[in-house]
Amino acid sequence: MKLPCITILATLLLTLPAAAQLQITPPATTPSTPVEKQKLKPAPPAKKKEPAPKPSASPKPSPSSKPTPTPTVIPAPPTDNSSADLVYGAYQRGQYKSAFELATARAQAGDPKAMTMLGELYSNAMGIRRDYAKAAEWYKRAADAGDREAMFALAMLRISGRGGSVDKGEAVKLMASAAKLGEPKAAYNLALLYLDGQSLPQDVRRSAELLRQAADAGLPEAQYALATFYKEGTGVPKDPERAVRLLQAASLADNVDAEVEYAIAMFNGTGTPKNQPAAVALLRKASRQGSAIAQNRLAWVLINGVGVSADKVEGFKWHLVAKTAGKGDPELDKQLSDLPAEDRAKAEAAAKKWLGSK
């Protein structure tokens, strides 16, 4: 089974440009039942047997997919230096011009963090015109001075070719250096490169080690990815309980994919005690966050009254919402057509209202 697509939404120390993230399809693993096809396993109803909710994971990309840059805006952290704190404070308040002036003075005095901040401001057009070339220059100066966040930021620019030509070789070296210095986002991205097997030889065990490093540092995306590794036995022994603990940690950080997987695990009692009410509550949360998979599963739960009181109008509302996002369900379509006209109209109106508010 191929692992789900892992998208970097890492809590970067800096606001990176559109090139600051990768999207890589993991390799195939030992065949097992895809989450998309698994079914929630409720006890059969007392009177009429109805279809049970069918959990699923995120859609999987084709094995030929390549790294795809996606944008992210993440704040820089505070430091122990009082002058640097002024730079960071101005940045956090959105006073980018002030942050630029303060950082320039600090950078000229040799402060690597200030150099990294300048790279951040130039790459994201904060207070000044976007200039990837200048951003790369400042990131490189900071990286040469040992700043791990600058190493990672520069690696992402090199991968995308922003601010210079594409240089995946240099990007990998920078990322590896940043990971050794404890940068979790670098470890996570490096893990994806080992999974992808294009820029680096494919090595799922090394990928798992790097994911563990990033997960232990609290990176939700790494926690979710590593949970998938433990669930499928990719680069590590299968361990459903550990997978669930990682899903729980990522869920607490509002990782939507992890919320859906954790809800499914709780609903079925896989690797954790069964708790259907908590699972339904988490499906509601993920549905409100826009997960079409959660919306589809929540629809099944509500329509069939499993783990929660039946509410067909609400259930079919979520079915229609999920359908607009490509998660249609012919079986639910049939049940919708059998719904009394008045209830069907209510469900359609509720779905239209929800979609209109987006």
Protein backbone atom coordinates (compact mmCIF):
# COMPACT_ATOMS: atom_id res chain seq x y z
CA MET A 1 0.00 0.00 0.00
CA LYS A 2 1.23 3.47 -0.77
CA LEU A 3 1.29 5.94 2.07
CA PRO A 4 -0.93 8.99 1.85
CA CYS A 5 0.41 12.16 0.34
CA ILE A 6 2.33 14.08 2.99
CA THR A 7 2.15 17.85 2.69
CA ILE A 8 4.45 20.11 4.67
CA LEU A 9 2.60 22.63 6.78
CA ALA A 10 5.46 22.84 9.21
CA THR A 11 5.77 25.49 11.88
CA LEU A 12 8.69 27.12 10.17
CA LEU A 13 10.84 29.48 12.13
CA LEU A 14 10.54 31.84 9.20
CA THR A 15 7.94 32.81 6.68
CA LEU A 16 9.09 31.03 3.57
CA PRO A 17 8.25 31.75 -0.08
CA ALA A 18 5.96 29.66 -2.19
CA ALA A 19 8.81 27.20 -2.70
CA ALA A 20 9.09 26.35 0.97
CA GLN A 21 7.32 23.04 0.95
CA LEU A 22 7.44 19.67 -0.73
CA GLN A 23 4.82 17.14 -1.64
CA ILE A 24 6.11 13.65 -2.22
CA THR A 25 4.44 10.29 -2.71
CA PRO A 26 5.88 7.60 -0.41
CA PRO A 27 6.84 4.18 -1.84
CA ALA A 28 4.66 1.11 -1.94
CA THR A 29 4.62 -1.06 1.15
CA THR A 30 3.31 -4.49 2.02
CA PRO A 31 -0.25 -4.74 0.63
CA SER A 32 -2.95 -4.08 3.19
CA THR A 33 -6.47 -2.81 3.15
CA PRO A 34 -6.42 0.90 2.18
CA VAL A 35 -8.00 3.15 4.76
CA GLU A 36 -10.20 4.51 1.97
CA LYS A 37 -11.85 1.08 1.72
CA GLN A 38 -12.02 0.16 5.38
CA LYS A 39 -15.36 0.32 7.11
CA LEU A 40 -16.27 1.50 10.54
CA LYS A 41 -17.55 -1.51 12.38
CA PRO A 42 -20.58 -0.62 14.50
CA ALA A 43 -22.81 -3.21 16.11
CA PRO A 44 -25.79 -4.08 13.86
CA PRO A 45 -29.00 -2.13 14.56
CA ALA A 46 -31.72 -3.89 16.52
CA LYS A 47 -34.34 -3.74 13.76
CA LYS A 48 -33.10 -2.88 10.31
CA LYS A 49 -29.57 -3.50 9.20
CA GLU A 50 -28.15 -0.35 7.68
CA PRO A 51 -24.76 0.34 6.10
CA ALA A 52 -22.01 1.23 8.51
CA PRO A 53 -19.75 4.26 8.14
CA LYS A 54 -16.81 3.72 5.83
CA PRO A 55 -13.60 5.39 6.98
CA SER A 56 -10.97 6.57 4.61
CA ALA A 57 -7.68 8.31 4.39
CA SER A 58 -6.63 11.15 2.16
CA PRO A 59 -6.54 10.43 -1.60
CA LYS A 60 -3.21 9.03 -2.66
CA PRO A 61 -1.23 10.56 -5.51
CA SER A 62 0.30 8.49 -8.24
CA PRO A 63 3.80 7.16 -7.59
CA SER A 64 5.12 9.45 -10.30
CA SER A 65 4.19 12.65 -8.49
CA LYS A 66 7.08 14.99 -7.88
CA PRO A 67 7.81 17.65 -5.26
CA THR A 68 5.28 20.44 -5.58
CA PRO A 69 5.93 23.79 -3.89
CA THR A 70 3.15 25.16 -1.72
CA PRO A 71 3.11 28.44 0.19
CA THR A 72 3.41 28.83 3.93
CA VAL A 73 3.61 31.79 6.25
CA ILE A 74 5.09 30.99 9.63
CA PRO A 75 6.44 33.41 12.22
CA ALA A 76 10.02 33.71 13.36
CA PRO A 77 10.77 32.78 16.98
CA PRO A 78 12.03 34.93 19.79
CA THR A 79 15.68 34.77 20.80
CA ASP A 80 17.59 35.55 23.97
CA ASN A 81 19.17 38.66 22.43
CA SER A 82 17.34 41.84 23.51
CA SER A 83 18.11 43.62 20.24
CA ALA A 84 16.95 40.64 18.26
CA ASP A 85 13.80 40.60 20.39
CA LEU A 86 13.03 44.09 19.08
CA VAL A 87 13.29 42.76 15.53
CA TYR A 88 11.08 39.80 16.34
CA GLY A 89 8.58 41.97 18.21
CA ALA A 90 8.20 44.31 15.26
CA TYR A 91 7.78 41.33 12.97
CA GLN A 92 5.10 39.76 15.17
CA ARG A 93 3.17 43.04 15.29
CA GLY A 94 3.21 43.25 11.51
CA GLN A 95 5.54 46.25 11.55
CA TYR A 96 7.65 44.83 8.74
CA LYS A 97 9.36 48.05 7.73
CA SER A 98 10.57 48.54 11.28
CA ALA A 99 11.61 44.90 11.44
CA PHE A 100 13.55 45.37 8.20
CA GLU A 101 15.39 48.44 9.49
CA LEU A 102 16.19 46.83 12.84
CA ALA A 103 17.26 43.57 11.21
CA THR A 104 19.48 45.38 8.72
CA ALA A 105 21.39 47.05 11.54
CA ARG A 106 21.74 43.77 13.42
CA ALA A 107 22.76 41.86 10.26
CA GLN A 108 25.47 44.38 9.47
CA ALA A 109 26.78 43.77 12.98
CA GLY A 110 27.04 40.05 12.13
CA ASP A 111 23.87 38.66 13.76
CA PRO A 112 22.86 35.45 11.89
CA LYS A 113 19.28 35.58 13.15
CA ALA A 114 18.89 39.08 11.76
CA MET A 115 20.28 37.88 8.44
CA THR A 116 17.70 35.11 8.41
CA MET A 117 14.99 37.64 9.18
CA LEU A 118 16.06 39.71 6.19
CA GLY A 119 15.83 36.63 4.02
CA GLU A 120 12.35 36.07 5.40
CA LEU A 121 11.23 39.63 4.66
CA TYR A 122 12.64 39.64 1.14
CA SER A 123 11.22 36.23 0.24
CA ASN A 124 7.72 37.12 1.40
CA ALA A 125 7.53 40.78 0.39
CA MET A 126 6.99 41.95 3.95
CA GLY A 127 7.61 45.67 4.19
CA ILE A 128 9.72 45.57 1.03
CA ARG A 129 9.43 44.33 -2.54
CA ARG A 130 9.88 40.58 -2.94
CA ASP A 131 13.39 39.72 -4.08
CA TYR A 132 14.30 36.05 -3.98
CA ALA A 133 17.88 36.74 -5.04
CA LYS A 134 18.45 39.00 -2.03
CA ALA A 135 16.60 36.58 0.19
CA ALA A 136 18.93 33.81 -0.94
CA GLU A 137 21.96 36.03 -0.28
CA TRP A 138 20.90 36.72 3.29
CA TYR A 139 19.89 33.13 3.93
CA LYS A 140 23.30 31.99 2.68
CA ARG A 141 25.16 34.43 4.92
CA ALA A 142 23.14 33.21 7.90
CA ALA A 143 23.57 29.56 6.89
CA ASP A 144 27.32 30.02 6.57
CA ALA A 145 27.23 31.42 10.09
CA GLY A 146 25.52 28.25 11.32
CA ASP A 147 21.87 29.26 11.48
CA ARG A 148 19.82 26.10 10.94
CA GLU A 149 16.61 27.89 9.96
CA ALA A 150 18.47 29.77 7.24
CA MET A 151 19.91 26.48 5.99
CA PHE A 152 16.44 25.05 5.63
CA ALA A 153 15.02 28.18 4.02
CA LEU A 154 17.88 28.32 1.54
CA ALA A 155 17.44 24.63 0.76
CA MET A 156 13.82 25.29 -0.18
CA LEU A 157 14.85 28.14 -2.47
CA ARG A 158 17.42 25.90 -4.14
CA ILE A 159 14.81 23.17 -4.70
CA SER A 160 12.39 25.60 -6.31
CA GLY A 161 14.99 27.59 -8.25
CA ARG A 162 13.84 30.86 -6.72
CA GLY A 163 16.61 33.37 -6.30
CA GLY A 164 18.90 31.30 -8.48
CA SER A 165 19.06 28.08 -10.45
CA VAL A 166 17.65 24.79 -9.20
CA ASP A 167 20.30 22.94 -7.24
CA LYS A 168 18.88 19.86 -5.53
CA GLY A 169 22.33 18.66 -4.55
CA GLU A 170 23.03 21.78 -2.52
CA ALA A 171 19.48 21.69 -1.16
CA VAL A 172 19.96 18.18 0.18
CA LYS A 173 23.27 19.11 1.83
CA LEU A 174 21.73 22.18 3.45
CA MET A 175 18.74 20.19 4.64
CA ALA A 176 20.94 17.47 6.08
CA SER A 177 23.05 20.06 7.93
CA ALA A 178 19.95 21.73 9.34
CA ALA A 179 18.53 18.38 10.41
CA LYS A 180 21.76 17.51 12.23
CA LEU A 181 21.46 20.81 14.08
CA GLY A 182 17.96 19.83 15.23
CA GLU A 183 15.74 21.65 12.74
CA PRO A 184 12.55 19.49 12.68
CA LYS A 185 11.24 20.84 9.38
CA ALA A 186 14.52 19.95 7.71
CA ALA A 187 14.37 16.44 9.16
CA TYR A 188 10.79 16.07 7.92
CA ASN A 189 11.58 17.24 4.40
CA LEU A 190 14.69 15.09 4.25
CA ALA A 191 12.54 12.11 5.26
CA LEU A 192 10.28 12.82 2.31
CA LEU A 193 13.24 12.95 -0.04
CA TYR A 194 14.36 9.53 1.20
CA LEU A 195 10.84 8.26 0.56
CA ASP A 196 10.68 9.76 -2.89
CA GLY A 197 13.93 8.17 -3.99
CA GLN A 198 14.70 10.81 -6.63
CA SER A 199 17.08 13.30 -5.05
CA LEU A 200 18.32 10.63 -2.62
CA PRO A 201 18.39 6.82 -2.73
CA GLN A 202 15.10 5.47 -1.42
CA ASP A 203 15.56 4.41 2.21
CA VAL A 204 12.39 3.96 4.26
CA ARG A 205 14.28 3.16 7.45
CA ARG A 206 16.29 6.36 7.26
CA SER A 207 13.07 8.18 6.44
CA ALA A 208 11.44 6.74 9.55
CA GLU A 209 14.39 7.85 11.70
CA LEU A 210 14.10 11.40 10.41
CA LEU A 211 10.35 11.43 10.86
CA ARG A 212 10.82 10.28 14.43
CA GLN A 213 13.26 13.14 15.02
CA ALA A 214 10.76 15.68 13.69
CA ALA A 215 7.83 14.03 15.49
CA ASP A 216 9.68 14.06 18.81
CA ALA A 217 10.24 17.79 18.26
CA GLY A 218 6.46 18.21 18.05
CA LEU A 219 5.95 18.65 14.30
CA PRO A 220 2.33 17.54 13.64
CA GLU A 221 2.92 16.60 10.01
CA ALA A 222 5.79 14.34 11.03
CA GLN A 223 3.67 12.79 13.76
CA TYR A 224 0.95 12.01 11.24
CA ALA A 225 3.40 10.60 8.70
CA LEU A 226 5.18 8.47 11.30
CA ALA A 227 1.81 7.19 12.51
CA THR A 228 1.19 5.95 8.98
CA PHE A 229 4.57 4.22 9.04
CA TYR A 230 3.69 2.38 12.25
CA LYS A 231 0.25 1.54 10.95
CA GLU A 232 1.60 0.01 7.74
CA GLY A 233 4.98 -1.26 8.99
CA THR A 234 6.99 1.02 6.68
CA GLY A 235 10.60 1.24 7.88
CA VAL A 236 9.45 0.25 11.38
CA PRO A 237 7.62 -2.72 12.90
CA LYS A 238 3.83 -2.47 12.77
CA ASP A 239 2.54 -0.94 15.98
CA PRO A 240 -1.14 0.16 15.95
CA GLU A 241 -0.98 1.49 19.49
CA ARG A 242 1.99 3.71 18.77
CA ALA A 243 0.37 4.84 15.54
CA VAL A 244 -2.71 5.95 17.46
CA ARG A 245 -0.65 7.84 20.03
CA LEU A 246 1.02 9.77 17.24
CA LEU A 247 -2.33 10.44 15.58
CA GLN A 248 -3.65 11.75 18.86
CA ALA A 249 -0.68 14.09 19.27
CA ALA A 250 -1.08 15.43 15.73
CA SER A 251 -4.83 15.80 16.24
CA LEU A 252 -4.26 17.96 19.30
CA ALA A 253 -2.24 20.25 17.01
CA ASP A 254 -5.24 20.47 14.62
CA ASN A 255 -3.76 18.33 11.87
CA VAL A 256 -6.98 17.53 9.98
CA ASP A 257 -5.75 14.31 8.33
CA ALA A 258 -4.70 13.01 11.74
CA GLU A 259 -8.08 13.97 13.19
CA VAL A 260 -9.86 11.85 10.60
CA GLU A 261 -7.56 8.85 11.10
CA TYR A 262 -7.75 9.14 14.88
CA ALA A 263 -11.53 9.35 14.77
CA ILE A 264 -11.66 6.18 12.67
CA ALA A 265 -9.33 4.39 15.07
CA MET A 266 -11.49 5.37 18.06
CA PHE A 267 -14.69 4.42 16.25
CA ASN A 268 -13.39 0.94 15.44
CA GLY A 269 -11.32 0.48 18.59
CA THR A 270 -8.14 -0.06 16.57
CA GLY A 271 -5.06 0.48 18.71
CA THR A 272 -7.16 2.31 21.29
CA PRO A 273 -10.32 1.63 23.31
CA LYS A 274 -13.48 2.08 21.27
CA ASN A 275 -15.10 5.46 21.88
CA GLN A 276 -17.70 6.19 19.24
CA PRO A 277 -19.10 9.43 20.77
CA ALA A 278 -15.57 10.92 20.89
CA ALA A 279 -14.95 9.69 17.36
CA VAL A 280 -18.11 11.36 16.07
CA ALA A 281 -17.19 14.60 17.84
CA LEU A 282 -13.80 14.56 16.13
CA LEU A 283 -15.41 13.82 12.76
CA ARG A 284 -17.61 16.89 13.30
CA LYS A 285 -14.55 19.01 14.00
CA ALA A 286 -12.71 17.76 10.92
CA SER A 287 -15.84 18.27 8.83
CA ARG A 288 -16.09 21.88 9.92
CA GLN A 289 -12.40 22.25 9.01
CA GLY A 290 -13.22 21.23 5.45
CA SER A 291 -12.22 17.56 5.29
CA ALA A 292 -14.40 15.95 2.62
CA ILE A 293 -13.50 12.51 3.96
CA ALA A 294 -14.66 13.46 7.45
CA GLN A 295 -17.83 14.96 5.98
CA ASN A 296 -18.60 11.73 4.13
CA ARG A 297 -18.00 9.59 7.23
CA LEU A 298 -19.98 11.93 9.43
CA ALA A 299 -22.85 11.69 6.95
CA TRP A 300 -22.88 7.89 7.28
CA VAL A 301 -22.81 8.08 11.06
CA LEU A 302 -25.64 10.59 11.29
CA ILE A 303 -27.84 8.96 8.66
CA ASN A 304 -27.50 5.53 10.26
CA GLY A 305 -27.52 6.72 13.87
CA VAL A 306 -24.32 4.88 14.81
CA GLY A 307 -22.56 6.20 17.90
CA VAL A 308 -24.89 9.20 17.86
CA SER A 309 -28.60 9.92 17.51
CA ALA A 310 -29.75 9.66 13.91
CA ASP A 311 -30.23 12.97 12.11
CA LYS A 312 -30.91 12.35 8.44
CA VAL A 313 -31.26 16.01 7.50
CA GLU A 314 -27.90 16.89 9.02
CA GLY A 315 -26.38 13.70 7.65
CA PHE A 316 -27.50 14.32 4.10
CA LYS A 317 -26.34 17.91 4.40
CA TRP A 318 -22.80 16.65 4.97
CA HIS A 319 -23.22 14.10 2.20
CA LEU A 320 -24.05 16.87 -0.27
CA VAL A 321 -21.18 19.03 1.00
CA ALA A 322 -18.72 16.15 0.64
CA LYS A 323 -20.05 15.40 -2.81
CA THR A 324 -19.15 18.88 -4.05
CA ALA A 325 -15.55 18.15 -2.97
CA GLY A 326 -15.41 14.90 -4.92
CA LYS A 327 -16.41 12.54 -2.14
CA GLY A 328 -19.75 11.49 -3.55
CA ASP A 329 -21.38 8.22 -2.54
CA PRO A 330 -23.89 6.43 -4.84
CA GLU A 331 -25.41 4.55 -1.92
CA LEU A 332 -26.12 7.75 -0.03
CA ASP A 333 -27.43 9.32 -3.23
CA LYS A 334 -29.99 6.50 -3.42
CA GLN A 335 -30.98 6.98 0.22
CA LEU A 336 -31.32 10.70 -0.40
CA SER A 337 -33.72 10.06 -3.28
CA ASP A 338 -35.86 7.97 -0.90
CA LEU A 339 -35.96 10.73 1.70
CA PRO A 340 -39.30 12.56 2.10
CA ALA A 341 -39.38 15.65 -0.09
CA GLU A 342 -39.59 18.02 2.88
CA ASP A 343 -36.52 16.55 4.59
CA ARG A 344 -34.61 16.42 1.31
CA ALA A 345 -35.32 20.11 0.75
CA LYS A 346 -34.06 20.90 4.27
CA ALA A 347 -30.85 18.96 3.69
CA GLU A 348 -30.24 20.66 0.35
CA ALA A 349 -30.87 24.09 1.88
CA ALA A 350 -28.52 23.36 4.78
CA ALA A 351 -25.78 22.21 2.38
CA LYS A 352 -26.25 25.28 0.20
CA LYS A 353 -26.02 27.52 3.26
CA TRP A 354 -22.82 25.82 4.43
CA LEU A 355 -21.21 26.02 1.01
CA GLY A 356 -22.29 29.63 0.61
CA SER A 357 -20.57 30.59 3.84
CA LYS A 358 -17.22 29.25 2.61
